[in-house]
Amino acid sequence: MAIYRTLYYTDVSVGVGGRVTIPQDMREDLGIDEGDSLTVRVEENPRGGRQMVIWRAEQQEEGEE
């Protein structure tokens, strides 16, 4: 299991329909391009606090299933 450290963070606003805009600099750092698929996980701690964890789904090569 990998342990990640925080590089930086920023605040984002939730827009119409729950849309969240990922800032351009973060998209560039993460290599997220238009049309990429992201996976979202909701975690809960024992005291009821919740957080979202988002990552880019694995890219499938053409012909892979």
Protein backbone atom coordinates (compact mmCIF):
# COMPACT_ATOMS: atom_id res chain seq x y z
CA MET A 1 0.00 0.00 0.00
CA ALA A 2 1.39 3.39 -1.01
CA ILE A 3 1.51 6.26 1.44
CA TYR A 4 1.02 9.66 -0.16
CA ARG A 5 2.11 13.01 1.18
CA THR A 6 0.33 16.28 0.47
CA LEU A 7 2.10 18.40 -2.14
CA TYR A 8 -0.41 21.25 -2.11
CA TYR A 9 -4.15 21.88 -1.92
CA THR A 10 -6.64 24.53 -2.94
CA ASP A 11 -10.28 25.42 -2.43
CA VAL A 12 -12.78 24.83 -5.23
CA SER A 13 -16.42 25.83 -5.55
CA VAL A 14 -19.32 23.51 -6.24
CA GLY A 15 -21.31 24.78 -9.21
CA VAL A 16 -24.60 24.00 -10.90
CA GLY A 17 -25.54 20.33 -10.69
CA GLY A 18 -22.69 19.61 -8.25
CA ARG A 19 -19.97 20.35 -10.81
CA VAL A 20 -16.48 20.86 -9.40
CA THR A 21 -13.82 22.52 -11.53
CA ILE A 22 -10.31 21.17 -11.03
CA PRO A 23 -7.89 24.11 -11.38
CA GLN A 24 -5.78 24.11 -14.54
CA ASP A 25 -2.44 23.84 -12.70
CA MET A 26 -3.65 20.71 -10.86
CA ARG A 27 -4.91 19.16 -14.11
CA GLU A 28 -1.53 19.79 -15.71
CA ASP A 29 0.40 18.36 -12.73
CA LEU A 30 -1.81 15.25 -12.71
CA GLY A 31 -1.93 14.79 -16.47
CA ILE A 32 -5.74 15.02 -16.55
CA ASP A 33 -7.08 15.80 -20.02
CA GLU A 34 -10.55 16.54 -21.33
CA GLY A 35 -12.52 13.30 -21.62
CA ASP A 36 -10.49 11.41 -18.99
CA SER A 37 -12.46 9.29 -16.55
CA LEU A 38 -12.01 9.86 -12.82
CA THR A 39 -12.85 7.46 -9.99
CA VAL A 40 -14.31 8.88 -6.76
CA ARG A 41 -14.31 7.16 -3.36
CA VAL A 42 -16.04 8.48 -0.22
CA GLU A 43 -14.26 7.60 3.03
CA GLU A 44 -15.59 7.90 6.58
CA ASN A 45 -13.60 8.02 9.81
CA PRO A 46 -14.85 6.49 13.10
CA ARG A 47 -16.20 9.89 14.24
CA GLY A 48 -18.35 10.34 11.13
CA GLY A 49 -16.13 12.76 9.20
CA ARG A 50 -16.21 12.14 5.47
CA GLN A 51 -13.92 12.97 2.58
CA MET A 52 -13.76 12.37 -1.16
CA VAL A 53 -10.72 10.83 -2.78
CA ILE A 54 -10.50 11.23 -6.57
CA TRP A 55 -8.06 9.64 -8.97
CA ARG A 56 -7.72 9.17 -12.70
CA ALA A 57 -8.96 5.77 -13.85
CA GLU A 58 -6.47 3.54 -15.62
CA GLN A 59 -6.34 4.17 -19.35
CA GLN A 60 -7.15 1.14 -21.50
CA GLU A 61 -5.25 0.60 -24.71
CA GLU A 62 -7.30 0.02 -27.84
CA GLY A 63 -8.24 -3.65 -28.08
CA GLU A 64 -7.94 -4.24 -24.30
CA GLU A 65 -10.97 -5.26 -22.25
